[in-house]
Amino acid sequence: MQRVAPPPRTIVTGASGRVARLLRAVWGETVEWRSRAGGDPLADLPEGGSLLCLAGIVPGAGDLAENARIARKTLDAAGRVGLRRVLLMSSAAVYPVGERLTEAQAAPFSDYGRAKLAMETEAQGADVETCCLRLGNLAGADALLGRLTRADPVLDVFADGRVPRRSYIGPVSLANALARLLTLPQPLPPVLNLAAPGVVGMDELLSAAGRAWISRPAPETAIPVIGLDTAALRALVPIGDDDGDPAEIVRQWRQVRP
């Protein structure tokens, strides 16, 4: 797959996180990677540049309300210097259980999802063009491929015989989509789903990775499917069915993992 370079003067905050590490394996040093470890990540932003905000708090890592505060600080700083565009990374966690979920169907059932939706609210009325990206499962930053060990993983099996299914995207497909979204001349919508088309079964990914797995009855709390409608995304960037093929997702993951 041909890689697409992000535009000049692109800043990425949250550079120490899992998503950033995977993107860095694709983009290299073509963007400026920033994290709090290197000082104020919002200092000296380039006028007319772009910013991809990956900074945030994940479940179990701190106060989830900090996500909204990070967004507000980011947008205030971007507005002061006149950035061209800000992409805020949100999450599919803002959605309920279901398939073909459109951007209008946010209804989070977890604290993390509610925190991400509150973060999106901070973008409303910002002084800089802002698009909140509701990311599906990213191969390598997910709870399956990203945590594989030598032991066979355990998958929940539901009464219909299916295992959990999710909207997925590979690291290269994600990097290309982000680069194009940062580059597009026309304004972006305030919210976009960000994933490859369709849903992928966890068993399909493990099969593509050549891994066996152990089944267990799905508990009542297990989530059978969260699938994102990607029509709005595909109207803007070339992302197709091949990007959602389990073998391609695994290939991209292997290509960039340490």
C-alpha atoms as a PDB file:
ATOM      1  CA  MET A   1       0.000   0.000   0.000  1.00  0.00           C
ATOM      2  CA  GLN A   2       1.346   3.402  -0.994  1.00  0.00           C
ATOM      3  CA  ARG A   3       1.853   5.704   1.955  1.00  0.00           C
ATOM      4  CA  VAL A   4       0.541   9.267   2.028  1.00  0.00           C
ATOM      5  CA  ALA A   5       2.616  11.963   3.718  1.00  0.00           C
ATOM      6  CA  PRO A   6       0.981  14.437   6.097  1.00  0.00           C
ATOM      7  CA  PRO A   7       1.242  18.131   5.187  1.00  0.00           C
ATOM      8  CA  PRO A   8       4.147  20.318   6.320  1.00  0.00           C
ATOM      9  CA  ARG A   9       3.873  22.034   9.714  1.00  0.00           C
ATOM     10  CA  THR A  10       1.859  19.219  11.266  1.00  0.00           C
ATOM     11  CA  ILE A  11       2.055  18.834  15.044  1.00  0.00           C
ATOM     12  CA  VAL A  12       1.035  15.611  16.807  1.00  0.00           C
ATOM     13  CA  THR A  13       0.420  15.765  20.549  1.00  0.00           C
ATOM     14  CA  GLY A  14       0.184  12.708  22.771  1.00  0.00           C
ATOM     15  CA  ALA A  15       3.324  11.295  21.171  1.00  0.00           C
ATOM     16  CA  SER A  16       3.981   8.814  23.984  1.00  0.00           C
ATOM     17  CA  GLY A  17       0.700   6.933  23.512  1.00  0.00           C
ATOM     18  CA  ARG A  18       0.006   3.666  21.692  1.00  0.00           C
ATOM     19  CA  VAL A  19      -1.720   5.244  18.700  1.00  0.00           C
ATOM     20  CA  ALA A  20       1.116   7.728  18.235  1.00  0.00           C
ATOM     21  CA  ARG A  21       3.759   5.011  18.394  1.00  0.00           C
ATOM     22  CA  LEU A  22       2.048   3.095  15.592  1.00  0.00           C
ATOM     23  CA  LEU A  23       1.632   6.223  13.483  1.00  0.00           C
ATOM     24  CA  ARG A  24       5.255   7.164  14.044  1.00  0.00           C
ATOM     25  CA  ALA A  25       6.308   3.826  12.590  1.00  0.00           C
ATOM     26  CA  VAL A  26       4.534   4.889   9.384  1.00  0.00           C
ATOM     27  CA  TRP A  27       5.223   8.637   9.251  1.00  0.00           C
ATOM     28  CA  GLY A  28       8.658   8.718  10.818  1.00  0.00           C
ATOM     29  CA  GLU A  29       9.823  12.265  11.490  1.00  0.00           C
ATOM     30  CA  THR A  30       7.729  13.937   8.770  1.00  0.00           C
ATOM     31  CA  VAL A  31       5.658  15.549  11.546  1.00  0.00           C
ATOM     32  CA  GLU A  32       6.629  17.111  14.868  1.00  0.00           C
ATOM     33  CA  TRP A  33       5.865  14.706  17.707  1.00  0.00           C
ATOM     34  CA  ARG A  34       5.147  16.313  21.069  1.00  0.00           C
ATOM     35  CA  SER A  35       4.378  15.049  24.553  1.00  0.00           C
ATOM     36  CA  ARG A  36       4.360  16.516  28.043  1.00  0.00           C
ATOM     37  CA  ALA A  37       7.713  14.871  28.708  1.00  0.00           C
ATOM     38  CA  GLY A  38       9.291  17.348  26.292  1.00  0.00           C
ATOM     39  CA  GLY A  39       7.700  20.422  27.859  1.00  0.00           C
ATOM     40  CA  ASP A  40       4.505  22.235  26.946  1.00  0.00           C
ATOM     41  CA  PRO A  41       3.218  20.405  23.843  1.00  0.00           C
ATOM     42  CA  LEU A  42       1.142  23.444  22.850  1.00  0.00           C
ATOM     43  CA  ALA A  43       3.979  25.974  22.904  1.00  0.00           C
ATOM     44  CA  ASP A  44       5.138  27.678  19.695  1.00  0.00           C
ATOM     45  CA  LEU A  45       2.499  26.219  17.400  1.00  0.00           C
ATOM     46  CA  PRO A  46       3.103  27.096  13.732  1.00  0.00           C
ATOM     47  CA  GLU A  47       0.735  29.702  12.306  1.00  0.00           C
ATOM     48  CA  GLY A  48      -1.280  28.139   9.490  1.00  0.00           C
ATOM     49  CA  GLY A  49      -0.205  24.629  10.465  1.00  0.00           C
ATOM     50  CA  SER A  50      -2.276  21.630  11.519  1.00  0.00           C
ATOM     51  CA  LEU A  51      -2.539  19.662  14.747  1.00  0.00           C
ATOM     52  CA  LEU A  52      -3.515  16.072  15.436  1.00  0.00           C
ATOM     53  CA  CYS A  53      -4.414  15.698  19.104  1.00  0.00           C
ATOM     54  CA  LEU A  54      -3.846  12.158  20.351  1.00  0.00           C
ATOM     55  CA  ALA A  55      -3.366  13.279  23.952  1.00  0.00           C
ATOM     56  CA  GLY A  56      -5.896  11.965  26.423  1.00  0.00           C
ATOM     57  CA  ILE A  57      -6.697   9.745  29.373  1.00  0.00           C
ATOM     58  CA  VAL A  58      -7.684   6.119  28.848  1.00  0.00           C
ATOM     59  CA  PRO A  59      -9.658   4.002  31.345  1.00  0.00           C
ATOM     60  CA  GLY A  60      -7.645   3.210  34.442  1.00  0.00           C
ATOM     61  CA  ALA A  61      -5.004   5.858  33.767  1.00  0.00           C
ATOM     62  CA  GLY A  62      -6.471   8.873  35.539  1.00  0.00           C
ATOM     63  CA  ASP A  63      -9.365  11.305  35.614  1.00  0.00           C
ATOM     64  CA  LEU A  64     -11.384  10.790  32.432  1.00  0.00           C
ATOM     65  CA  ALA A  65     -12.727  14.346  32.682  1.00  0.00           C
ATOM     66  CA  GLU A  66      -9.224  15.456  31.756  1.00  0.00           C
ATOM     67  CA  ASN A  67     -10.039  14.563  28.130  1.00  0.00           C
ATOM     68  CA  ALA A  68     -12.371  17.552  27.835  1.00  0.00           C
ATOM     69  CA  ARG A  69      -9.856  19.837  29.532  1.00  0.00           C
ATOM     70  CA  ILE A  70      -7.098  18.724  27.146  1.00  0.00           C
ATOM     71  CA  ALA A  71      -9.369  19.454  24.195  1.00  0.00           C
ATOM     72  CA  ARG A  72     -10.203  22.925  25.482  1.00  0.00           C
ATOM     73  CA  LYS A  73      -6.547  23.811  26.085  1.00  0.00           C
ATOM     74  CA  THR A  74      -5.618  22.498  22.648  1.00  0.00           C
ATOM     75  CA  LEU A  75      -8.324  24.446  20.836  1.00  0.00           C
ATOM     76  CA  ASP A  76      -7.625  27.646  22.757  1.00  0.00           C
ATOM     77  CA  ALA A  77      -3.933  27.443  21.848  1.00  0.00           C
ATOM     78  CA  ALA A  78      -4.721  26.586  18.225  1.00  0.00           C
ATOM     79  CA  GLY A  79      -7.120  29.502  17.924  1.00  0.00           C
ATOM     80  CA  ARG A  80      -4.637  31.994  19.355  1.00  0.00           C
ATOM     81  CA  VAL A  81      -1.964  31.251  16.748  1.00  0.00           C
ATOM     82  CA  GLY A  82      -4.288  30.656  13.799  1.00  0.00           C
ATOM     83  CA  LEU A  83      -3.837  26.965  13.064  1.00  0.00           C
ATOM     84  CA  ARG A  84      -5.545  25.837   9.879  1.00  0.00           C
ATOM     85  CA  ARG A  85      -7.097  22.650  11.266  1.00  0.00           C
ATOM     86  CA  VAL A  86      -7.263  20.501  14.403  1.00  0.00           C
ATOM     87  CA  LEU A  87      -8.142  16.817  14.456  1.00  0.00           C
ATOM     88  CA  LEU A  88      -9.228  15.590  17.897  1.00  0.00           C
ATOM     89  CA  MET A  89      -9.059  11.833  18.381  1.00  0.00           C
ATOM     90  CA  SER A  90     -12.293  10.571  19.873  1.00  0.00           C
ATOM     91  CA  SER A  91     -13.475   6.972  20.095  1.00  0.00           C
ATOM     92  CA  ALA A  92     -16.090   4.466  18.994  1.00  0.00           C
ATOM     93  CA  ALA A  93     -16.799   4.218  22.732  1.00  0.00           C
ATOM     94  CA  VAL A  94     -19.311   7.041  22.233  1.00  0.00           C
ATOM     95  CA  TYR A  95     -21.651   4.533  20.542  1.00  0.00           C
ATOM     96  CA  PRO A  96     -24.097   1.914  21.793  1.00  0.00           C
ATOM     97  CA  VAL A  97     -24.048  -1.713  20.676  1.00  0.00           C
ATOM     98  CA  GLY A  98     -24.950  -2.015  17.008  1.00  0.00           C
ATOM     99  CA  GLU A  99     -23.820  -2.055  13.385  1.00  0.00           C
ATOM    100  CA  ARG A 100     -23.592   0.670  10.744  1.00  0.00           C
ATOM    101  CA  LEU A 101     -23.675   3.319  13.462  1.00  0.00           C
ATOM    102  CA  THR A 102     -23.707   6.807  11.966  1.00  0.00           C
ATOM    103  CA  GLU A 103     -22.229   9.952  13.428  1.00  0.00           C
ATOM    104  CA  ALA A 104     -25.710  10.977  14.622  1.00  0.00           C
ATOM    105  CA  GLN A 105     -26.157   7.899  16.839  1.00  0.00           C
ATOM    106  CA  ALA A 106     -23.799   8.585  19.743  1.00  0.00           C
ATOM    107  CA  ALA A 107     -25.147   7.111  22.987  1.00  0.00           C
ATOM    108  CA  PRO A 108     -22.256   6.016  25.213  1.00  0.00           C
ATOM    109  CA  PHE A 109     -22.793   3.373  27.877  1.00  0.00           C
ATOM    110  CA  SER A 110     -19.366   3.622  29.570  1.00  0.00           C
ATOM    111  CA  ASP A 111     -17.672   6.356  31.580  1.00  0.00           C
ATOM    112  CA  TYR A 112     -14.944   6.511  28.946  1.00  0.00           C
ATOM    113  CA  GLY A 113     -17.479   6.964  26.159  1.00  0.00           C
ATOM    114  CA  ARG A 114     -19.224   9.721  28.074  1.00  0.00           C
ATOM    115  CA  ALA A 115     -15.892  11.441  28.684  1.00  0.00           C
ATOM    116  CA  LYS A 116     -15.046  11.320  24.992  1.00  0.00           C
ATOM    117  CA  LEU A 117     -18.434  12.734  24.061  1.00  0.00           C
ATOM    118  CA  ALA A 118     -17.872  15.544  26.560  1.00  0.00           C
ATOM    119  CA  MET A 119     -14.524  16.151  24.869  1.00  0.00           C
ATOM    120  CA  GLU A 120     -16.306  16.486  21.528  1.00  0.00           C
ATOM    121  CA  THR A 121     -18.654  19.052  23.055  1.00  0.00           C
ATOM    122  CA  GLU A 122     -15.647  21.243  23.830  1.00  0.00           C
ATOM    123  CA  ALA A 123     -14.976  21.499  20.091  1.00  0.00           C
ATOM    124  CA  GLN A 124     -18.305  23.154  19.383  1.00  0.00           C
ATOM    125  CA  GLY A 125     -17.843  26.818  18.567  1.00  0.00           C
ATOM    126  CA  ALA A 126     -14.036  26.622  18.564  1.00  0.00           C
ATOM    127  CA  ASP A 127     -12.095  29.446  16.895  1.00  0.00           C
ATOM    128  CA  VAL A 128     -10.296  26.928  14.674  1.00  0.00           C
ATOM    129  CA  GLU A 129     -11.676  24.351  12.246  1.00  0.00           C
ATOM    130  CA  THR A 130     -12.002  21.144  14.272  1.00  0.00           C
ATOM    131  CA  CYS A 131     -12.997  17.593  13.402  1.00  0.00           C
ATOM    132  CA  CYS A 132     -13.520  14.935  16.083  1.00  0.00           C
ATOM    133  CA  LEU A 133     -12.543  11.494  14.805  1.00  0.00           C
ATOM    134  CA  ARG A 134     -14.346   8.522  16.337  1.00  0.00           C
ATOM    135  CA  LEU A 135     -11.690   5.870  15.954  1.00  0.00           C
ATOM    136  CA  GLY A 136     -12.626   2.207  15.770  1.00  0.00           C
ATOM    137  CA  ASN A 137     -10.236  -0.524  16.884  1.00  0.00           C
ATOM    138  CA  LEU A 138      -6.679   0.136  15.717  1.00  0.00           C
ATOM    139  CA  ALA A 139      -4.668  -3.021  15.112  1.00  0.00           C
ATOM    140  CA  GLY A 140      -1.781  -3.013  17.555  1.00  0.00           C
ATOM    141  CA  ALA A 141      -3.405  -0.562  19.960  1.00  0.00           C
ATOM    142  CA  ASP A 142      -6.374  -2.841  20.612  1.00  0.00           C
ATOM    143  CA  ALA A 143      -7.112  -5.372  23.334  1.00  0.00           C
ATOM    144  CA  LEU A 144      -6.503  -8.348  21.020  1.00  0.00           C
ATOM    145  CA  LEU A 145      -3.535  -7.985  18.658  1.00  0.00           C
ATOM    146  CA  GLY A 146      -1.977  -5.330  20.855  1.00  0.00           C
ATOM    147  CA  ARG A 147      -1.836  -7.717  23.813  1.00  0.00           C
ATOM    148  CA  LEU A 148      -0.998 -11.049  22.204  1.00  0.00           C
ATOM    149  CA  THR A 149       1.406 -13.242  24.139  1.00  0.00           C
ATOM    150  CA  ARG A 150       2.609 -16.803  23.605  1.00  0.00           C
ATOM    151  CA  ALA A 151      -0.529 -18.079  25.335  1.00  0.00           C
ATOM    152  CA  ASP A 152      -3.631 -18.670  23.238  1.00  0.00           C
ATOM    153  CA  PRO A 153      -6.071 -15.772  23.686  1.00  0.00           C
ATOM    154  CA  VAL A 154      -9.580 -16.333  25.028  1.00  0.00           C
ATOM    155  CA  LEU A 155     -12.585 -15.166  23.010  1.00  0.00           C
ATOM    156  CA  ASP A 156     -16.155 -14.782  24.213  1.00  0.00           C
ATOM    157  CA  VAL A 157     -18.658 -16.806  22.191  1.00  0.00           C
ATOM    158  CA  PHE A 158     -22.261 -15.602  22.124  1.00  0.00           C
ATOM    159  CA  ALA A 159     -25.414 -17.702  21.897  1.00  0.00           C
ATOM    160  CA  ASP A 160     -25.478 -17.296  18.099  1.00  0.00           C
ATOM    161  CA  GLY A 161     -22.005 -18.825  17.850  1.00  0.00           C
ATOM    162  CA  ARG A 162     -20.320 -15.542  17.011  1.00  0.00           C
ATOM    163  CA  VAL A 163     -17.398 -13.890  18.761  1.00  0.00           C
ATOM    164  CA  PRO A 164     -17.071 -10.118  19.302  1.00  0.00           C
ATOM    165  CA  ARG A 165     -17.049  -8.057  16.106  1.00  0.00           C
ATOM    166  CA  ARG A 166     -15.686  -4.556  15.773  1.00  0.00           C
ATOM    167  CA  SER A 167     -14.864  -1.900  13.217  1.00  0.00           C
ATOM    168  CA  TYR A 168     -11.095  -2.073  12.681  1.00  0.00           C
ATOM    169  CA  ILE A 169      -8.370  -0.255  10.829  1.00  0.00           C
ATOM    170  CA  GLY A 170      -4.700  -1.023  10.228  1.00  0.00           C
ATOM    171  CA  PRO A 171      -1.925   1.441  11.137  1.00  0.00           C
ATOM    172  CA  VAL A 172      -1.003   2.260   7.530  1.00  0.00           C
ATOM    173  CA  SER A 173      -4.627   2.772   6.502  1.00  0.00           C
ATOM    174  CA  LEU A 174      -5.086   5.027   9.530  1.00  0.00           C
ATOM    175  CA  ALA A 175      -1.969   7.053   8.750  1.00  0.00           C
ATOM    176  CA  ASN A 176      -3.055   7.525   5.136  1.00  0.00           C
ATOM    177  CA  ALA A 177      -6.578   8.570   6.112  1.00  0.00           C
ATOM    178  CA  LEU A 178      -5.271  11.068   8.663  1.00  0.00           C
ATOM    179  CA  ALA A 179      -2.755  12.516   6.201  1.00  0.00           C
ATOM    180  CA  ARG A 180      -5.512  13.084   3.662  1.00  0.00           C
ATOM    181  CA  LEU A 181      -7.857  14.605   6.247  1.00  0.00           C
ATOM    182  CA  LEU A 182      -5.116  16.990   7.326  1.00  0.00           C
ATOM    183  CA  THR A 183      -4.500  17.969   3.698  1.00  0.00           C
ATOM    184  CA  LEU A 184      -8.005  18.342   2.229  1.00  0.00           C
ATOM    185  CA  PRO A 185      -8.701  21.940   1.163  1.00  0.00           C
ATOM    186  CA  GLN A 186     -12.406  21.904   2.014  1.00  0.00           C
ATOM    187  CA  PRO A 187     -13.701  22.155   5.597  1.00  0.00           C
ATOM    188  CA  LEU A 188     -14.257  18.857   7.375  1.00  0.00           C
ATOM    189  CA  PRO A 189     -17.456  17.917   9.197  1.00  0.00           C
ATOM    190  CA  PRO A 190     -17.390  18.380  12.978  1.00  0.00           C
ATOM    191  CA  VAL A 191     -17.454  14.600  13.557  1.00  0.00           C
ATOM    192  CA  LEU A 192     -16.300  11.622  11.475  1.00  0.00           C
ATOM    193  CA  ASN A 193     -16.214   7.886  12.058  1.00  0.00           C
ATOM    194  CA  LEU A 194     -12.696   6.593  11.406  1.00  0.00           C
ATOM    195  CA  ALA A 195     -12.377   2.914  10.501  1.00  0.00           C
ATOM    196  CA  ALA A 196     -12.215   0.597   7.521  1.00  0.00           C
ATOM    197  CA  PRO A 197     -15.597  -0.430   6.085  1.00  0.00           C
ATOM    198  CA  GLY A 198     -17.488  -3.292   7.725  1.00  0.00           C
ATOM    199  CA  VAL A 199     -16.883  -5.229  10.917  1.00  0.00           C
ATOM    200  CA  VAL A 200     -14.252  -7.852  11.680  1.00  0.00           C
ATOM    201  CA  GLY A 201     -14.626 -10.867  13.935  1.00  0.00           C
ATOM    202  CA  MET A 202     -11.900 -11.361  16.516  1.00  0.00           C
ATOM    203  CA  ASP A 203     -11.601 -14.950  15.294  1.00  0.00           C
ATOM    204  CA  GLU A 204     -10.930 -13.701  11.760  1.00  0.00           C
ATOM    205  CA  LEU A 205      -8.033 -11.588  12.978  1.00  0.00           C
ATOM    206  CA  LEU A 206      -6.521 -14.453  14.927  1.00  0.00           C
ATOM    207  CA  SER A 207      -6.910 -16.771  11.950  1.00  0.00           C
ATOM    208  CA  ALA A 208      -5.140 -14.223   9.736  1.00  0.00           C
ATOM    209  CA  ALA A 209      -2.387 -14.021  12.352  1.00  0.00           C
ATOM    210  CA  GLY A 210      -2.063 -17.808  12.438  1.00  0.00           C
ATOM    211  CA  ARG A 211      -3.102 -18.027  16.068  1.00  0.00           C
ATOM    212  CA  ALA A 212      -5.343 -20.517  17.838  1.00  0.00           C
ATOM    213  CA  TRP A 213      -7.776 -19.344  20.490  1.00  0.00           C
ATOM    214  CA  ILE A 214      -9.796 -20.652  23.421  1.00  0.00           C
ATOM    215  CA  SER A 215     -13.552 -20.151  23.602  1.00  0.00           C
ATOM    216  CA  ARG A 216     -15.674 -19.349  26.625  1.00  0.00           C
ATOM    217  CA  PRO A 217     -19.371 -18.480  26.968  1.00  0.00           C
ATOM    218  CA  ALA A 218     -19.824 -14.739  26.662  1.00  0.00           C
ATOM    219  CA  PRO A 219     -20.782 -13.107  29.977  1.00  0.00           C
ATOM    220  CA  GLU A 220     -23.791 -10.804  30.123  1.00  0.00           C
ATOM    221  CA  THR A 221     -21.499  -7.782  30.112  1.00  0.00           C
ATOM    222  CA  ALA A 222     -19.785  -8.762  26.850  1.00  0.00           C
ATOM    223  CA  ILE A 223     -20.416  -6.524  23.841  1.00  0.00           C
ATOM    224  CA  PRO A 224     -21.219  -8.487  20.671  1.00  0.00           C
ATOM    225  CA  VAL A 225     -20.699  -5.824  18.020  1.00  0.00           C
ATOM    226  CA  ILE A 226     -19.858  -2.166  17.516  1.00  0.00           C
ATOM    227  CA  GLY A 227     -19.731  -1.325  13.839  1.00  0.00           C
ATOM    228  CA  LEU A 228     -19.265   2.154  12.400  1.00  0.00           C
ATOM    229  CA  ASP A 229     -20.865   3.541   9.271  1.00  0.00           C
ATOM    230  CA  THR A 230     -18.003   4.949   7.192  1.00  0.00           C
ATOM    231  CA  ALA A 231     -19.934   6.559   4.329  1.00  0.00           C
ATOM    232  CA  ALA A 232     -18.987  10.098   5.375  1.00  0.00           C
ATOM    233  CA  LEU A 233     -15.308   9.161   5.673  1.00  0.00           C
ATOM    234  CA  ARG A 234     -15.258   7.386   2.308  1.00  0.00           C
ATOM    235  CA  ALA A 235     -16.749  10.462   0.658  1.00  0.00           C
ATOM    236  CA  LEU A 236     -13.587  12.323   1.675  1.00  0.00           C
ATOM    237  CA  VAL A 237     -10.725   9.807   1.525  1.00  0.00           C
ATOM    238  CA  PRO A 238     -10.095   6.646  -0.517  1.00  0.00           C
ATOM    239  CA  ILE A 239     -10.558   3.867   2.008  1.00  0.00           C
ATOM    240  CA  GLY A 240     -12.135   0.681   0.727  1.00  0.00           C
ATOM    241  CA  ASP A 241     -13.097  -2.886   1.503  1.00  0.00           C
ATOM    242  CA  ASP A 242      -9.492  -4.073   1.135  1.00  0.00           C
ATOM    243  CA  ASP A 243      -8.522  -1.906   4.118  1.00  0.00           C
ATOM    244  CA  GLY A 244     -10.989  -3.888   6.242  1.00  0.00           C
ATOM    245  CA  ASP A 245      -9.781  -7.327   5.157  1.00  0.00           C
ATOM    246  CA  PRO A 246      -8.479  -9.218   8.226  1.00  0.00           C
ATOM    247  CA  ALA A 247      -5.359 -10.374   6.377  1.00  0.00           C
ATOM    248  CA  GLU A 248      -4.539  -6.791   5.358  1.00  0.00           C
ATOM    249  CA  ILE A 249      -5.141  -5.494   8.878  1.00  0.00           C
ATOM    250  CA  VAL A 250      -2.783  -8.121  10.310  1.00  0.00           C
ATOM    251  CA  ARG A 251      -0.205  -7.450   7.584  1.00  0.00           C
ATOM    252  CA  GLN A 252      -0.133  -3.756   8.474  1.00  0.00           C
ATOM    253  CA  TRP A 253       0.114  -4.529  12.175  1.00  0.00           C
ATOM    254  CA  ARG A 254       3.099  -6.802  11.607  1.00  0.00           C
ATOM    255  CA  GLN A 255       4.710  -4.226   9.359  1.00  0.00           C
ATOM    256  CA  VAL A 256       4.891  -1.558  12.056  1.00  0.00           C
ATOM    257  CA  ARG A 257       5.077  -3.418  15.362  1.00  0.00           C
ATOM    258  CA  PRO A 258       8.377  -3.185  17.262  1.00  0.00           C
END
